Amino acid sequence: MIRIALLVIILVLAPAGAFFLWAWAVKIKQERKLAGTLPAWQDMPITWLAIAGLACTIAGFFVLFFTQNQGYGGLFAP
């Protein structure tokens, strides 16, 4: 029961946390752009899209590994 509650809480709070991290990163990027210290690779939106996609993929694999019972893994699996 606690496992399910924690999983639901994490899945509900994850988008809010991601938004606040994104907003914080945008603020830092704007400050660096105004100061002229922003590297060229950070000015491209595709770089951040690739980083976010990789992070979401890794997070998805961790969630699947720890919640699914495949006979060899699943730390929280019944």
PDB file of N, CA and C in Angstrom:
ATOM      1  N   MET A   1       0.814  -1.192   0.000  1.00  0.00           N
ATOM      2  CA  MET A   1       0.000   0.000   0.000  1.00  0.00           C
ATOM      3  C   MET A   1       0.862   1.262   0.000  1.00  0.00           C
ATOM      4  N   ILE A   2       1.896   1.266   0.829  1.00  0.00           N
ATOM      5  CA  ILE A   2       2.792   2.417   0.879  1.00  0.00           C
ATOM      6  C   ILE A   2       3.545   2.556  -0.437  1.00  0.00           C
ATOM      7  N   ARG A   3       3.897   1.438  -1.034  1.00  0.00           N
ATOM      8  CA  ARG A   3       4.611   1.458  -2.310  1.00  0.00           C
ATOM      9  C   ARG A   3       3.769   2.144  -3.372  1.00  0.00           C
ATOM     10  N   ILE A   4       2.505   1.810  -3.438  1.00  0.00           N
ATOM     11  CA  ILE A   4       1.613   2.398  -4.431  1.00  0.00           C
ATOM     12  C   ILE A   4       1.410   3.884  -4.157  1.00  0.00           C
ATOM     13  N   ALA A   5       1.231   4.242  -2.899  1.00  0.00           N
ATOM     14  CA  ALA A   5       1.043   5.646  -2.535  1.00  0.00           C
ATOM     15  C   ALA A   5       2.276   6.472  -2.896  1.00  0.00           C
ATOM     16  N   LEU A   6       3.461   5.959  -2.591  1.00  0.00           N
ATOM     17  CA  LEU A   6       4.688   6.680  -2.933  1.00  0.00           C
ATOM     18  C   LEU A   6       4.843   6.829  -4.444  1.00  0.00           C
ATOM     19  N   LEU A   7       4.526   5.781  -5.179  1.00  0.00           N
ATOM     20  CA  LEU A   7       4.634   5.840  -6.632  1.00  0.00           C
ATOM     21  C   LEU A   7       3.679   6.886  -7.210  1.00  0.00           C
ATOM     22  N   VAL A   8       2.463   6.928  -6.697  1.00  0.00           N
ATOM     23  CA  VAL A   8       1.492   7.911  -7.177  1.00  0.00           C
ATOM     24  C   VAL A   8       1.944   9.325  -6.815  1.00  0.00           C
ATOM     25  N   ILE A   9       2.416   9.513  -5.605  1.00  0.00           N
ATOM     26  CA  ILE A   9       2.883  10.840  -5.181  1.00  0.00           C
ATOM     27  C   ILE A   9       4.048  11.294  -6.049  1.00  0.00           C
ATOM     28  N   ILE A  10       4.980  10.409  -6.303  1.00  0.00           N
ATOM     29  CA  ILE A  10       6.132  10.754  -7.139  1.00  0.00           C
ATOM     30  C   ILE A  10       5.687  11.090  -8.554  1.00  0.00           C
ATOM     31  N   LEU A  11       4.775  10.306  -9.105  1.00  0.00           N
ATOM     32  CA  LEU A  11       4.317  10.563 -10.470  1.00  0.00           C
ATOM     33  C   LEU A  11       3.495  11.844 -10.566  1.00  0.00           C
ATOM     34  N   VAL A  12       2.837  12.236  -9.511  1.00  0.00           N
ATOM     35  CA  VAL A  12       2.077  13.485  -9.524  1.00  0.00           C
ATOM     36  C   VAL A  12       3.020  14.685  -9.356  1.00  0.00           C
ATOM     37  N   LEU A  13       4.017  14.554  -8.508  1.00  0.00           N
ATOM     38  CA  LEU A  13       4.919  15.670  -8.246  1.00  0.00           C
ATOM     39  C   LEU A  13       6.024  15.821  -9.287  1.00  0.00           C
ATOM     40  N   ALA A  14       6.302  14.792 -10.053  1.00  0.00           N
ATOM     41  CA  ALA A  14       7.378  14.845 -11.039  1.00  0.00           C
ATOM     42  C   ALA A  14       7.174  15.948 -12.086  1.00  0.00           C
ATOM     43  N   PRO A  15       5.988  16.095 -12.677  1.00  0.00           N
ATOM     44  CA  PRO A  15       5.828  17.184 -13.656  1.00  0.00           C
ATOM     45  C   PRO A  15       6.018  18.574 -13.049  1.00  0.00           C
ATOM     46  N   ALA A  16       5.558  18.775 -11.826  1.00  0.00           N
ATOM     47  CA  ALA A  16       5.738  20.076 -11.178  1.00  0.00           C
ATOM     48  C   ALA A  16       7.227  20.333 -10.935  1.00  0.00           C
ATOM     49  N   GLY A  17       7.928  19.323 -10.465  1.00  0.00           N
ATOM     50  CA  GLY A  17       9.367  19.465 -10.254  1.00  0.00           C
ATOM     51  C   GLY A  17      10.105  19.738 -11.556  1.00  0.00           C
ATOM     52  N   ALA A  18       9.711  19.043 -12.621  1.00  0.00           N
ATOM     53  CA  ALA A  18      10.335  19.263 -13.925  1.00  0.00           C
ATOM     54  C   ALA A  18      10.085  20.686 -14.418  1.00  0.00           C
ATOM     55  N   PHE A  19       8.868  21.194 -14.195  1.00  0.00           N
ATOM     56  CA  PHE A  19       8.572  22.565 -14.613  1.00  0.00           C
ATOM     57  C   PHE A  19       9.440  23.570 -13.874  1.00  0.00           C
ATOM     58  N   PHE A  20       9.582  23.406 -12.558  1.00  0.00           N
ATOM     59  CA  PHE A  20      10.381  24.363 -11.795  1.00  0.00           C
ATOM     60  C   PHE A  20      11.859  24.287 -12.184  1.00  0.00           C
ATOM     61  N   LEU A  21      12.357  23.096 -12.480  1.00  0.00           N
ATOM     62  CA  LEU A  21      13.735  22.979 -12.967  1.00  0.00           C
ATOM     63  C   LEU A  21      13.894  23.668 -14.319  1.00  0.00           C
ATOM     64  N   TRP A  22      12.910  23.494 -15.197  1.00  0.00           N
ATOM     65  CA  TRP A  22      12.946  24.128 -16.508  1.00  0.00           C
ATOM     66  C   TRP A  22      12.922  25.648 -16.363  1.00  0.00           C
ATOM     67  N   ALA A  23      12.047  26.163 -15.517  1.00  0.00           N
ATOM     68  CA  ALA A  23      11.955  27.612 -15.322  1.00  0.00           C
ATOM     69  C   ALA A  23      13.259  28.172 -14.756  1.00  0.00           C
ATOM     70  N   TRP A  24      13.873  27.439 -13.848  1.00  0.00           N
ATOM     71  CA  TRP A  24      15.151  27.859 -13.273  1.00  0.00           C
ATOM     72  C   TRP A  24      16.239  27.884 -14.349  1.00  0.00           C
ATOM     73  N   ALA A  25      16.260  26.851 -15.213  1.00  0.00           N
ATOM     74  CA  ALA A  25      17.257  26.786 -16.285  1.00  0.00           C
ATOM     75  C   ALA A  25      17.057  27.908 -17.296  1.00  0.00           C
ATOM     76  N   VAL A  26      15.809  28.241 -17.599  1.00  0.00           N
ATOM     77  CA  VAL A  26      15.530  29.329 -18.537  1.00  0.00           C
ATOM     78  C   VAL A  26      16.026  30.657 -17.975  1.00  0.00           C
ATOM     79  N   LYS A  27      15.813  30.862 -16.684  1.00  0.00           N
ATOM     80  CA  LYS A  27      16.272  32.105 -16.052  1.00  0.00           C
ATOM     81  C   LYS A  27      17.794  32.217 -16.132  1.00  0.00           C
ATOM     82  N   ILE A  28      18.494  31.124 -15.832  1.00  0.00           N
ATOM     83  CA  ILE A  28      19.960  31.133 -15.904  1.00  0.00           C
ATOM     84  C   ILE A  28      20.416  31.377 -17.335  1.00  0.00           C
ATOM     85  N   LYS A  29      19.726  30.742 -18.298  1.00  0.00           N
ATOM     86  CA  LYS A  29      20.098  30.905 -19.703  1.00  0.00           C
ATOM     87  C   LYS A  29      19.921  32.353 -20.148  1.00  0.00           C
ATOM     88  N   GLN A  30      18.833  32.998 -19.731  1.00  0.00           N
ATOM     89  CA  GLN A  30      18.607  34.399 -20.094  1.00  0.00           C
ATOM     90  C   GLN A  30      19.667  35.307 -19.490  1.00  0.00           C
ATOM     91  N   GLU A  31      20.039  35.036 -18.246  1.00  0.00           N
ATOM     92  CA  GLU A  31      21.068  35.852 -17.599  1.00  0.00           C
ATOM     93  C   GLU A  31      22.408  35.710 -18.315  1.00  0.00           C
ATOM     94  N   ARG A  32      22.741  34.481 -18.697  1.00  0.00           N
ATOM     95  CA  ARG A  32      24.017  34.263 -19.396  1.00  0.00           C
ATOM     96  C   ARG A  32      23.986  34.865 -20.801  1.00  0.00           C
ATOM     97  N   LYS A  33      22.826  34.793 -21.455  1.00  0.00           N
ATOM     98  CA  LYS A  33      22.723  35.356 -22.797  1.00  0.00           C
ATOM     99  C   LYS A  33      22.888  36.873 -22.748  1.00  0.00           C
ATOM    100  N   LEU A  34      22.285  37.508 -21.754  1.00  0.00           N
ATOM    101  CA  LEU A  34      22.428  38.956 -21.613  1.00  0.00           C
ATOM    102  C   LEU A  34      23.864  39.351 -21.267  1.00  0.00           C
ATOM    103  N   ALA A  35      24.530  38.512 -20.484  1.00  0.00           N
ATOM    104  CA  ALA A  35      25.912  38.801 -20.094  1.00  0.00           C
ATOM    105  C   ALA A  35      26.905  38.450 -21.202  1.00  0.00           C
ATOM    106  N   GLY A  36      26.461  37.681 -22.217  1.00  0.00           N
ATOM    107  CA  GLY A  36      27.351  37.294 -23.305  1.00  0.00           C
ATOM    108  C   GLY A  36      28.230  36.106 -22.978  1.00  0.00           C
ATOM    109  N   THR A  37      27.893  35.344 -21.942  1.00  0.00           N
ATOM    110  CA  THR A  37      28.716  34.199 -21.549  1.00  0.00           C
ATOM    111  C   THR A  37      28.062  32.859 -21.883  1.00  0.00           C
ATOM    112  N   LEU A  38      27.011  32.872 -22.708  1.00  0.00           N
ATOM    113  CA  LEU A  38      26.313  31.642 -23.059  1.00  0.00           C
ATOM    114  C   LEU A  38      27.076  30.910 -24.158  1.00  0.00           C
ATOM    115  N   PRO A  39      27.501  29.645 -23.912  1.00  0.00           N
ATOM    116  CA  PRO A  39      28.188  28.897 -24.957  1.00  0.00           C
ATOM    117  C   PRO A  39      27.266  28.663 -26.162  1.00  0.00           C
ATOM    118  N   ALA A  40      27.854  28.487 -27.331  1.00  0.00           N
ATOM    119  CA  ALA A  40      27.079  28.347 -28.563  1.00  0.00           C
ATOM    120  C   ALA A  40      26.201  27.098 -28.542  1.00  0.00           C
ATOM    121  N   TRP A  41      26.677  26.003 -27.928  1.00  0.00           N
ATOM    122  CA  TRP A  41      25.887  24.769 -27.948  1.00  0.00           C
ATOM    123  C   TRP A  41      24.642  24.880 -27.077  1.00  0.00           C
ATOM    124  N   GLN A  42      24.640  25.772 -26.091  1.00  0.00           N
ATOM    125  CA  GLN A  42      23.472  25.944 -25.235  1.00  0.00           C
ATOM    126  C   GLN A  42      22.410  26.834 -25.864  1.00  0.00           C
ATOM    127  N   ASP A  43      22.787  27.541 -26.917  1.00  0.00           N
ATOM    128  CA  ASP A  43      21.826  28.413 -27.587  1.00  0.00           C
ATOM    129  C   ASP A  43      20.875  27.608 -28.481  1.00  0.00           C
ATOM    130  N   MET A  44      21.217  26.362 -28.769  1.00  0.00           N
ATOM    131  CA  MET A  44      20.388  25.527 -29.628  1.00  0.00           C
ATOM    132  C   MET A  44      19.352  24.770 -28.792  1.00  0.00           C
ATOM    133  N   PRO A  45      18.065  24.856 -29.130  1.00  0.00           N
ATOM    134  CA  PRO A  45      17.044  24.156 -28.342  1.00  0.00           C
ATOM    135  C   PRO A  45      17.102  22.637 -28.502  1.00  0.00           C
ATOM    136  N   ILE A  46      17.656  22.141 -29.600  1.00  0.00           N
ATOM    137  CA  ILE A  46      17.696  20.694 -29.820  1.00  0.00           C
ATOM    138  C   ILE A  46      18.603  20.009 -28.797  1.00  0.00           C
ATOM    139  N   THR A  47      19.612  20.717 -28.316  1.00  0.00           N
ATOM    140  CA  THR A  47      20.500  20.145 -27.306  1.00  0.00           C
ATOM    141  C   THR A  47      19.721  19.853 -26.030  1.00  0.00           C
ATOM    142  N   TRP A  48      18.931  20.817 -25.581  1.00  0.00           N
ATOM    143  CA  TRP A  48      18.151  20.620 -24.354  1.00  0.00           C
ATOM    144  C   TRP A  48      17.067  19.581 -24.560  1.00  0.00           C
ATOM    145  N   LEU A  49      16.509  19.502 -25.755  1.00  0.00           N
ATOM    146  CA  LEU A  49      15.508  18.488 -26.053  1.00  0.00           C
ATOM    147  C   LEU A  49      16.118  17.087 -25.976  1.00  0.00           C
ATOM    148  N   ALA A  50      17.317  16.930 -26.491  1.00  0.00           N
ATOM    149  CA  ALA A  50      17.998  15.635 -26.440  1.00  0.00           C
ATOM    150  C   ALA A  50      18.340  15.251 -24.998  1.00  0.00           C
ATOM    151  N   ILE A  51      18.813  16.209 -24.221  1.00  0.00           N
ATOM    152  CA  ILE A  51      19.151  15.943 -22.821  1.00  0.00           C
ATOM    153  C   ILE A  51      17.901  15.540 -22.045  1.00  0.00           C
ATOM    154  N   ALA A  52      16.791  16.248 -22.254  1.00  0.00           N
ATOM    155  CA  ALA A  52      15.542  15.931 -21.558  1.00  0.00           C
ATOM    156  C   ALA A  52      15.019  14.558 -21.979  1.00  0.00           C
ATOM    157  N   GLY A  53      15.114  14.232 -23.261  1.00  0.00           N
ATOM    158  CA  GLY A  53      14.674  12.919 -23.737  1.00  0.00           C
ATOM    159  C   GLY A  53      15.494  11.794 -23.136  1.00  0.00           C
ATOM    160  N   LEU A  54      16.789  11.970 -23.056  1.00  0.00           N
ATOM    161  CA  LEU A  54      17.653  10.956 -22.457  1.00  0.00           C
ATOM    162  C   LEU A  54      17.353  10.784 -20.975  1.00  0.00           C
ATOM    163  N   ALA A  55      17.143  11.884 -20.275  1.00  0.00           N
ATOM    164  CA  ALA A  55      16.829  11.807 -18.843  1.00  0.00           C
ATOM    165  C   ALA A  55      15.496  11.092 -18.614  1.00  0.00           C
ATOM    166  N   CYS A  56      14.496  11.384 -19.437  1.00  0.00           N
ATOM    167  CA  CYS A  56      13.193  10.717 -19.301  1.00  0.00           C
ATOM    168  C   CYS A  56      13.292   9.225 -19.618  1.00  0.00           C
ATOM    169  N   THR A  57      14.090   8.877 -20.600  1.00  0.00           N
ATOM    170  CA  THR A  57      14.282   7.462 -20.942  1.00  0.00           C
ATOM    171  C   THR A  57      14.932   6.709 -19.791  1.00  0.00           C
ATOM    172  N   ILE A  58      15.969   7.279 -19.220  1.00  0.00           N
ATOM    173  CA  ILE A  58      16.658   6.636 -18.101  1.00  0.00           C
ATOM    174  C   ILE A  58      15.715   6.509 -16.906  1.00  0.00           C
ATOM    175  N   ALA A  59      14.958   7.559 -16.612  1.00  0.00           N
ATOM    176  CA  ALA A  59      14.002   7.509 -15.503  1.00  0.00           C
ATOM    177  C   ALA A  59      12.946   6.442 -15.745  1.00  0.00           C
ATOM    178  N   GLY A  60      12.475   6.310 -16.965  1.00  0.00           N
ATOM    179  CA  GLY A  60      11.496   5.279 -17.302  1.00  0.00           C
ATOM    180  C   GLY A  60      12.038   3.880 -17.091  1.00  0.00           C
ATOM    181  N   PHE A  61      13.284   3.646 -17.478  1.00  0.00           N
ATOM    182  CA  PHE A  61      13.897   2.337 -17.265  1.00  0.00           C
ATOM    183  C   PHE A  61      14.026   2.019 -15.779  1.00  0.00           C
ATOM    184  N   PHE A  62      14.389   3.016 -14.982  1.00  0.00           N
ATOM    185  CA  PHE A  62      14.487   2.790 -13.536  1.00  0.00           C
ATOM    186  C   PHE A  62      13.124   2.448 -12.943  1.00  0.00           C
ATOM    187  N   VAL A  63      12.100   3.175 -13.349  1.00  0.00           N
ATOM    188  CA  VAL A  63      10.758   2.899 -12.833  1.00  0.00           C
ATOM    189  C   VAL A  63      10.327   1.491 -13.228  1.00  0.00           C
ATOM    190  N   LEU A  64      10.549   1.110 -14.470  1.00  0.00           N
ATOM    191  CA  LEU A  64      10.169  -0.233 -14.906  1.00  0.00           C
ATOM    192  C   LEU A  64      10.949  -1.306 -14.153  1.00  0.00           C
ATOM    193  N   PHE A  65      12.237  -1.093 -13.956  1.00  0.00           N
ATOM    194  CA  PHE A  65      13.053  -2.095 -13.277  1.00  0.00           C
ATOM    195  C   PHE A  65      12.615  -2.300 -11.836  1.00  0.00           C
ATOM    196  N   PHE A  66      12.329  -1.200 -11.145  1.00  0.00           N
ATOM    197  CA  PHE A  66      12.021  -1.309  -9.727  1.00  0.00           C
ATOM    198  C   PHE A  66      10.561  -1.659  -9.436  1.00  0.00           C
ATOM    199  N   THR A  67       9.680  -1.578 -10.427  1.00  0.00           N
ATOM    200  CA  THR A  67       8.271  -1.849 -10.152  1.00  0.00           C
ATOM    201  C   THR A  67       7.738  -3.102 -10.838  1.00  0.00           C
ATOM    202  N   GLN A  68       8.452  -3.661 -11.786  1.00  0.00           N
ATOM    203  CA  GLN A  68       7.963  -4.834 -12.504  1.00  0.00           C
ATOM    204  C   GLN A  68       8.620  -6.099 -11.958  1.00  0.00           C
ATOM    205  N   ASN A  69       7.850  -7.167 -11.875  1.00  0.00           N
ATOM    206  CA  ASN A  69       8.387  -8.441 -11.418  1.00  0.00           C
ATOM    207  C   ASN A  69       8.605  -9.339 -12.630  1.00  0.00           C
ATOM    208  N   GLN A  70       9.857  -9.504 -13.015  1.00  0.00           N
ATOM    209  CA  GLN A  70      10.207 -10.323 -14.160  1.00  0.00           C
ATOM    210  C   GLN A  70      10.921 -11.602 -13.729  1.00  0.00           C
ATOM    211  N   GLY A  71      10.970 -11.841 -12.457  1.00  0.00           N
ATOM    212  CA  GLY A  71      11.635 -13.029 -11.960  1.00  0.00           C
ATOM    213  C   GLY A  71      13.088 -12.812 -11.619  1.00  0.00           C
ATOM    214  N   TYR A  72      13.672 -11.717 -12.050  1.00  0.00           N
ATOM    215  CA  TYR A  72      15.083 -11.466 -11.782  1.00  0.00           C
ATOM    216  C   TYR A  72      15.310 -10.089 -11.174  1.00  0.00           C
ATOM    217  N   GLY A  73      14.346  -9.222 -11.221  1.00  0.00           N
ATOM    218  CA  GLY A  73      14.540  -7.867 -10.698  1.00  0.00           C
ATOM    219  C   GLY A  73      13.262  -7.359 -10.070  1.00  0.00           C
ATOM    220  N   GLY A  74      13.205  -6.105  -9.910  1.00  0.00           N
ATOM    221  CA  GLY A  74      12.020  -5.505  -9.337  1.00  0.00           C
ATOM    222  C   GLY A  74      12.120  -5.396  -7.834  1.00  0.00           C
ATOM    223  N   LEU A  75      12.828  -4.403  -7.379  1.00  0.00           N
ATOM    224  CA  LEU A  75      13.046  -4.221  -5.950  1.00  0.00           C
ATOM    225  C   LEU A  75      11.723  -4.069  -5.189  1.00  0.00           C
ATOM    226  N   PHE A  76      10.774  -3.368  -5.774  1.00  0.00           N
ATOM    227  CA  PHE A  76       9.496  -3.139  -5.119  1.00  0.00           C
ATOM    228  C   PHE A  76       8.377  -4.017  -5.653  1.00  0.00           C
ATOM    229  N   ALA A  77       8.721  -4.971  -6.486  1.00  0.00           N
ATOM    230  CA  ALA A  77       7.699  -5.841  -7.086  1.00  0.00           C
ATOM    231  C   ALA A  77       7.206  -6.832  -6.035  1.00  0.00           C
ATOM    232  N   PRO A  78       5.929  -7.209  -6.116  1.00  0.00           N
ATOM    233  CA  PRO A  78       5.382  -8.141  -5.128  1.00  0.00           C
ATOM    234  C   PRO A  78       5.976  -9.536  -5.261  1.00  0.00           C
TER     235      PRO A  78
END
